[in-house]
Protein backbone atom coordinates (compact mmCIF):
# COMPACT_ATOMS: atom_id res chain seq x y z
CA MET A 1 -3.20 67.12 -4.39
CA SER A 2 -0.68 64.96 -6.26
CA ASP A 3 -1.12 62.04 -3.85
CA THR A 4 -4.89 62.12 -4.27
CA HIS A 5 -4.56 62.32 -8.03
CA GLU A 6 -2.31 59.25 -8.07
CA TYR A 7 -4.50 57.24 -5.72
CA GLU A 8 -7.89 57.69 -7.40
CA PRO A 9 -7.05 55.91 -10.68
CA HIS A 10 -5.62 53.02 -8.69
CA HIS A 11 -8.79 52.83 -6.60
CA ALA A 12 -10.99 53.03 -9.69
CA ASP A 13 -8.95 50.28 -11.35
CA LEU A 14 -9.37 48.07 -8.27
CA GLY A 15 -13.13 48.64 -8.30
CA SER A 16 -13.29 47.79 -11.99
CA ARG A 17 -11.37 44.57 -11.45
CA LEU A 18 -13.63 43.56 -8.60
CA ASN A 19 -16.68 44.16 -10.80
CA TRP A 20 -15.21 41.95 -13.53
CA LEU A 21 -14.41 39.22 -11.01
CA ARG A 22 -17.90 39.40 -9.55
CA ALA A 23 -19.44 39.21 -13.04
CA GLY A 24 -17.26 36.19 -13.80
CA VAL A 25 -18.30 34.39 -10.63
CA LEU A 26 -21.99 35.08 -11.26
CA GLY A 27 -21.68 34.03 -14.91
CA ALA A 28 -20.08 30.74 -13.91
CA ASN A 29 -22.79 30.26 -11.30
CA ASP A 30 -25.50 30.73 -13.94
CA GLY A 31 -23.76 28.22 -16.19
CA ILE A 32 -23.60 25.63 -13.42
CA VAL A 33 -27.25 25.97 -12.35
CA SER A 34 -28.88 26.19 -15.77
CA THR A 35 -26.90 23.36 -17.35
CA ALA A 36 -27.25 21.17 -14.28
CA GLY A 37 -31.00 21.69 -14.39
CA ILE A 38 -31.09 20.64 -18.05
CA VAL A 39 -28.94 17.51 -17.82
CA VAL A 40 -30.47 16.32 -14.54
CA GLY A 41 -33.94 16.83 -15.99
CA VAL A 42 -33.06 14.84 -19.09
CA ALA A 43 -31.42 12.18 -16.90
CA GLY A 44 -34.77 11.74 -15.19
CA ALA A 45 -36.27 10.71 -18.52
CA THR A 46 -33.43 8.75 -20.16
CA ASP A 47 -30.05 7.17 -19.46
CA ASP A 48 -28.84 7.53 -23.04
CA ARG A 49 -25.42 9.25 -22.99
CA ALA A 50 -25.79 10.74 -26.48
CA THR A 51 -29.09 12.35 -25.51
CA LEU A 52 -27.59 13.75 -22.32
CA LEU A 53 -24.61 15.13 -24.23
CA THR A 54 -26.83 16.71 -26.88
CA ALA A 55 -29.08 18.35 -24.30
CA GLY A 56 -26.13 19.57 -22.23
CA LEU A 57 -24.28 21.02 -25.23
CA ALA A 58 -27.45 22.72 -26.47
CA GLY A 59 -27.98 24.27 -23.05
CA LEU A 60 -24.35 25.35 -22.82
CA LEU A 61 -24.32 27.01 -26.23
CA ALA A 62 -27.73 28.62 -25.85
CA GLY A 63 -26.94 29.92 -22.38
CA SER A 64 -23.47 31.23 -23.19
CA MET A 65 -24.66 32.98 -26.36
CA SER A 66 -27.62 34.46 -24.51
CA MET A 67 -25.37 35.73 -21.72
CA ALA A 68 -22.91 37.21 -24.21
CA ALA A 69 -25.63 38.90 -26.26
CA GLY A 70 -27.35 40.29 -23.18
CA GLU A 71 -24.11 41.62 -21.75
CA TYR A 72 -23.15 43.17 -25.09
CA VAL A 73 -26.48 44.99 -25.39
CA SER A 74 -26.40 46.13 -21.76
CA VAL A 75 -22.83 47.42 -21.83
CA SER A 76 -23.31 49.01 -25.26
CA THR A 77 -26.22 50.99 -23.82
CA GLN A 78 -24.05 52.03 -20.88
CA ARG A 79 -21.21 53.07 -23.21
CA ASP A 80 -23.60 55.10 -25.39
CA ALA A 81 -24.89 56.87 -22.28
CA GLU A 82 -21.33 57.63 -21.15
CA LYS A 83 -20.38 59.02 -24.57
CA ALA A 84 -23.53 61.14 -24.68
CA ALA A 85 -22.80 62.53 -21.20
CA LEU A 86 -19.22 63.37 -22.23
CA ALA A 87 -20.44 65.08 -25.40
CA LEU A 88 -22.90 67.18 -23.41
CA GLU A 89 -20.22 68.11 -20.89
CA LYS A 90 -17.84 69.09 -23.68
CA ARG A 91 -20.47 71.39 -25.19
CA GLU A 92 -21.25 72.99 -21.84
CA LEU A 93 -17.55 73.62 -21.22
CA ARG A 94 -17.30 75.33 -24.58
CA GLU A 95 -20.45 77.42 -24.24
CA GLN A 96 -20.40 78.31 -20.52
CA PRO A 97 -16.93 77.78 -19.07
CA GLU A 98 -17.43 80.06 -16.02
CA GLU A 99 -20.59 78.27 -14.93
CA GLU A 100 -18.85 74.93 -15.32
CA LEU A 101 -15.91 76.16 -13.25
CA ASP A 102 -18.33 77.22 -10.50
CA GLU A 103 -20.03 73.85 -10.70
CA LEU A 104 -16.71 72.00 -10.35
CA THR A 105 -15.84 74.19 -7.38
CA GLN A 106 -19.12 73.33 -5.66
CA LEU A 107 -18.60 69.63 -6.33
CA LEU A 108 -15.14 69.77 -4.75
CA ARG A 109 -16.54 71.72 -1.78
CA SER A 110 -19.17 69.00 -1.29
CA ARG A 111 -16.30 66.54 -0.93
CA GLY A 112 -14.94 68.40 2.07
CA LEU A 113 -12.58 71.02 0.63
CA THR A 114 -12.67 74.58 1.91
CA PRO A 115 -14.09 77.18 -0.52
CA GLU A 116 -10.64 78.63 -1.24
CA LEU A 117 -8.98 75.26 -1.76
CA ALA A 118 -11.89 74.00 -3.84
CA ARG A 119 -11.65 77.03 -6.13
CA GLU A 120 -7.92 76.63 -6.52
CA ALA A 121 -8.23 72.91 -7.23
CA ALA A 122 -11.02 73.52 -9.75
CA GLU A 123 -8.94 76.10 -11.60
CA GLN A 124 -5.90 73.83 -11.72
CA LEU A 125 -7.91 70.84 -12.89
CA THR A 126 -9.62 72.96 -15.54
CA GLU A 127 -6.33 74.27 -16.83
CA ARG A 128 -4.90 70.77 -17.03
CA ASP A 129 -7.91 69.05 -18.67
CA ALA A 130 -11.36 70.47 -18.07
CA LEU A 131 -13.29 67.64 -19.70
CA ARG A 132 -11.44 64.93 -17.80
CA ALA A 133 -11.90 66.81 -14.52
CA HIS A 134 -15.66 67.15 -14.98
CA ALA A 135 -15.96 63.59 -16.27
CA ARG A 136 -14.33 62.14 -13.18
CA VAL A 137 -15.66 64.49 -10.49
CA GLU A 138 -19.14 65.23 -11.84
CA LEU A 139 -20.00 62.16 -13.91
CA GLY A 140 -17.83 59.47 -12.32
CA ILE A 141 -16.52 58.49 -15.77
CA ASP A 142 -12.96 57.93 -16.91
CA PRO A 143 -12.95 59.16 -20.54
CA ASP A 144 -9.87 57.03 -21.24
CA ASP A 145 -11.49 53.84 -19.96
CA LEU A 146 -15.07 53.61 -21.18
CA THR A 147 -16.82 50.28 -20.77
CA ASN A 148 -16.15 47.87 -23.64
CA PRO A 149 -19.17 45.77 -24.74
CA TRP A 150 -17.01 43.19 -26.54
CA HIS A 151 -14.90 42.57 -23.45
CA ALA A 152 -18.04 42.16 -21.37
CA ALA A 153 -19.63 39.81 -23.91
CA TRP A 154 -16.58 37.55 -24.17
CA ALA A 155 -16.14 37.51 -20.39
CA SER A 156 -19.77 36.45 -19.88
CA PHE A 157 -19.51 33.83 -22.62
CA ALA A 158 -16.34 32.36 -21.11
CA ALA A 159 -17.61 32.42 -17.52
CA PHE A 160 -20.90 30.73 -18.41
CA THR A 161 -19.13 28.11 -20.53
CA VAL A 162 -16.66 27.24 -17.78
CA GLY A 163 -19.48 26.86 -15.28
CA ALA A 164 -21.63 24.81 -17.66
CA LEU A 165 -18.85 22.36 -18.47
CA LEU A 166 -18.88 20.99 -14.91
CA PRO A 167 -22.39 19.45 -14.87
CA LEU A 168 -22.05 18.45 -18.53
CA LEU A 169 -18.89 16.43 -17.92
CA ALA A 170 -20.21 15.11 -14.61
CA ILE A 171 -23.30 13.64 -16.26
CA ILE A 172 -21.62 11.97 -19.25
CA LEU A 173 -18.22 10.74 -17.99
CA PRO A 174 -19.07 8.49 -15.01
CA PRO A 175 -20.67 5.05 -15.36
CA GLU A 176 -24.44 5.06 -15.65
CA ALA A 177 -25.08 4.19 -12.00
CA TRP A 178 -22.89 7.06 -10.78
CA ARG A 179 -23.96 9.81 -13.18
CA LEU A 180 -26.67 11.41 -11.08
CA PRO A 181 -24.94 11.33 -7.67
CA VAL A 182 -21.64 12.55 -9.13
CA THR A 183 -23.42 15.39 -10.91
CA VAL A 184 -25.44 16.47 -7.86
CA VAL A 185 -22.46 16.40 -5.50
CA SER A 186 -20.10 18.19 -7.90
CA VAL A 187 -22.70 20.84 -8.70
CA LEU A 188 -23.45 21.54 -5.05
CA LEU A 189 -19.75 21.80 -4.23
CA ALA A 190 -19.20 24.18 -7.15
CA LEU A 191 -22.17 26.30 -6.10
CA ALA A 192 -20.83 26.45 -2.55
CA LEU A 193 -17.52 27.68 -3.98
CA THR A 194 -19.11 30.36 -6.19
CA GLY A 195 -21.34 31.46 -3.32
CA TRP A 196 -18.30 31.82 -1.10
CA GLY A 197 -16.43 33.69 -3.83
CA SER A 198 -19.24 36.15 -4.50
CA ALA A 199 -19.59 36.83 -0.76
CA ARG A 200 -15.86 37.43 -0.38
CA LEU A 201 -15.80 39.82 -3.32
CA GLY A 202 -18.70 41.74 -1.81
CA ALA A 203 -17.18 41.67 1.70
CA ALA A 204 -20.31 39.87 2.96
CA PRO A 205 -20.63 36.90 5.32
CA PRO A 206 -20.06 33.76 3.21
CA ARG A 207 -22.44 31.37 5.00
CA PRO A 208 -25.75 32.92 3.80
CA ALA A 209 -24.44 33.18 0.23
CA VAL A 210 -23.27 29.56 0.24
CA TRP A 211 -26.60 28.41 1.64
CA ARG A 212 -28.64 30.39 -0.90
CA ASN A 213 -26.52 29.13 -3.78
CA THR A 214 -26.59 25.47 -2.85
CA ALA A 215 -30.27 25.51 -1.87
CA GLY A 216 -31.24 27.18 -5.14
CA GLY A 217 -29.19 24.72 -7.18
CA ALA A 218 -30.56 21.73 -5.30
CA LEU A 219 -34.12 22.95 -5.81
CA ALA A 220 -33.53 23.51 -9.53
CA MET A 221 -32.13 19.99 -9.99
CA ALA A 222 -34.92 18.43 -7.93
CA VAL A 223 -37.65 20.16 -9.93
CA THR A 224 -36.16 19.35 -13.33
CA TYR A 225 -35.41 15.75 -12.35
CA LEU A 226 -38.98 15.28 -11.16
CA ALA A 227 -40.30 16.76 -14.38
CA GLY A 228 -38.02 14.54 -16.48
CA THR A 229 -39.00 11.46 -14.51
CA LEU A 230 -42.71 12.15 -14.95
CA LEU A 231 -42.32 12.82 -18.66
CA GLY A 232 -40.22 9.67 -19.08
CA ALA A 233 -42.78 7.62 -17.21
CA VAL A 234 -45.56 8.62 -19.63
CA GLY A 235 -43.32 8.04 -22.64
CA VAL A 236 -42.95 11.67 -23.73
């Protein structure tokens, strides 16, 4: 029992880290695609560096703040649900401890323990910390490590900003004749990298993810560039 008890927190911590890494990769990917679409679209209408910088910065700030706010709201809702579930479990343990012990025993039996061993394990876990035992086995929650909305918001903000900086710098730093090709090539390479990273984190084949990522980014840039070109041609 002691080996299992020591392994599960380590496994949960690994899963949590992988989720954070995956969220970071996807946030950076969103920053790359959305900002690239903006600056390439504006580049279709004008070559003015100040205009490109203004549009890119506006897209970066709007996108990063939107990602942060959305992540904060989402994770806050998840945290509230976790706290409510823990409060309900705490009340049930206080009002009907025998029923909760039986429930924990059944949950352990469903994981492959024999009835006798499941009962013994349930009693020992209850004696040690009943709420923590039910939280982990029944609810899948670690009461000492609830999701933090501020951490999630800052992580999303940072990931989006890092991704958005690439197309922004690529469109304003090179000479005018090289701005568009440098931006397109750098964006596609970055999207290939984030596609590969997301596939590796999910233990999936990388080629389809790389293809989807680069194709989606190329389509987004093509559409916005066409729109910008048409609007520039009519003097909008």
